[in-house]
Amino acid sequence: MFSDDEVERYARHLVLRELGGPGQQRLKAARVALVGAGGIGAPAALYLAAAGVGTLRLIDDDTVALSNLQRQILFATADVGRPKVEVAAARLAALNPHVVVEARPVRLDADTLGDLLAEVDLVLDGSDSFTTRALVGDACIARGLPLVAAALGRWEGQIVLLRGRPCWRCYVPEPPPDAETCARMGVVGALAGVIGSAAALLALRVLAEVGEAPAGALMLFDGLGWRARTSRIAADPHCPACSGAGISLG
C-alpha cells in the first residue's frame, strides 16, 4: 500500500500503536474539504498534508494580503496579490507530493455548496463568516459529514467536532448582530497556529479512527490567561437543522 518513500515519510506514524499501518491507510484514502485558507486553514492544511491525508480540497476566493502574513504561515511576501489556494496548493505539493490538492478559488455559498463539499469524508471549517459557518454546518448535517469547526480572535480560540446532533445551529442559532472580525478586533498570530494545529489533530483522529473523538465538546483556549477548558454543546430539541424538521440548503 505504501511506497518506500511513504514508509520513511510516515515512519513516526507507523510505529504509533494507536495509528500504525491501518490508520495511515485510512488517512491516505481520506478526502478533506478545508473551508478557508487563512489563519486556521493554513496550519491545518500543512499538518494534514504532512500527515498524508490523500486529498485536500482548499476552498477560498481570497488573495494574499500583506496583513495576512502575521499569522497565515502558508504564504510569503512575494505571494501578496496571488490567489491563496493557488499558492497553498503549490506549497502543500512541495511538502508532500503524495497528497492530491484541489484548489477551489470560489466563495462557498448556497449556489456553490453542493459542488464544493461533494465526495469528501470530513469538512474543516476555518472561515470567518457566521453565514458561511451556518451553511457549512447545515450541509454537513444533510450529508452526514463530520465537521471540525474552529474560530479565533484576539487571544482566544475555540474548536469543536460536530457529528449529527448537536450541530452548529444548536450552538449558534442566529449570527450575532455585532459579530466582530479579526480585522476589527485583532488576533495574535501564534494563536492561529495553536488552533489550526489542534483542528488538524482532531480531524486526523476522526479520519484515522483513533480513540473516541469528542463530538459536541467545545474546547476554549485562552492564550492570554494560558488556560483551556471544555464545555458540552447541548442539542436543541427544536433545531431546524438537526432535530428532524429539515432545513433548506438553497
Foldseek 3Di string as FASTA:
>chain_A
DDDPVRCVLQVVQQPDPLFHDLLLVLQQPFEEEEEDQALQNQLLLQVSLSSNRAEYEYEAQDFDDPVRVQARPLDDPVRGPPQSLVSNQVSSCVNHVNHHYHYHNDHDALVCPPVRPPPGQAYEYEDFDPRNQVLVQLVCLVVQHWYWYKYDEAQKIKIAIAGQPPIPCLVVVDPDPPDDGCVVRNYRRCVSNVGSVVSSVLVSCVSSVGDDRDHQWMWMAGRVVGDIDIDGRHHDCPRQRRNPVHDDSD
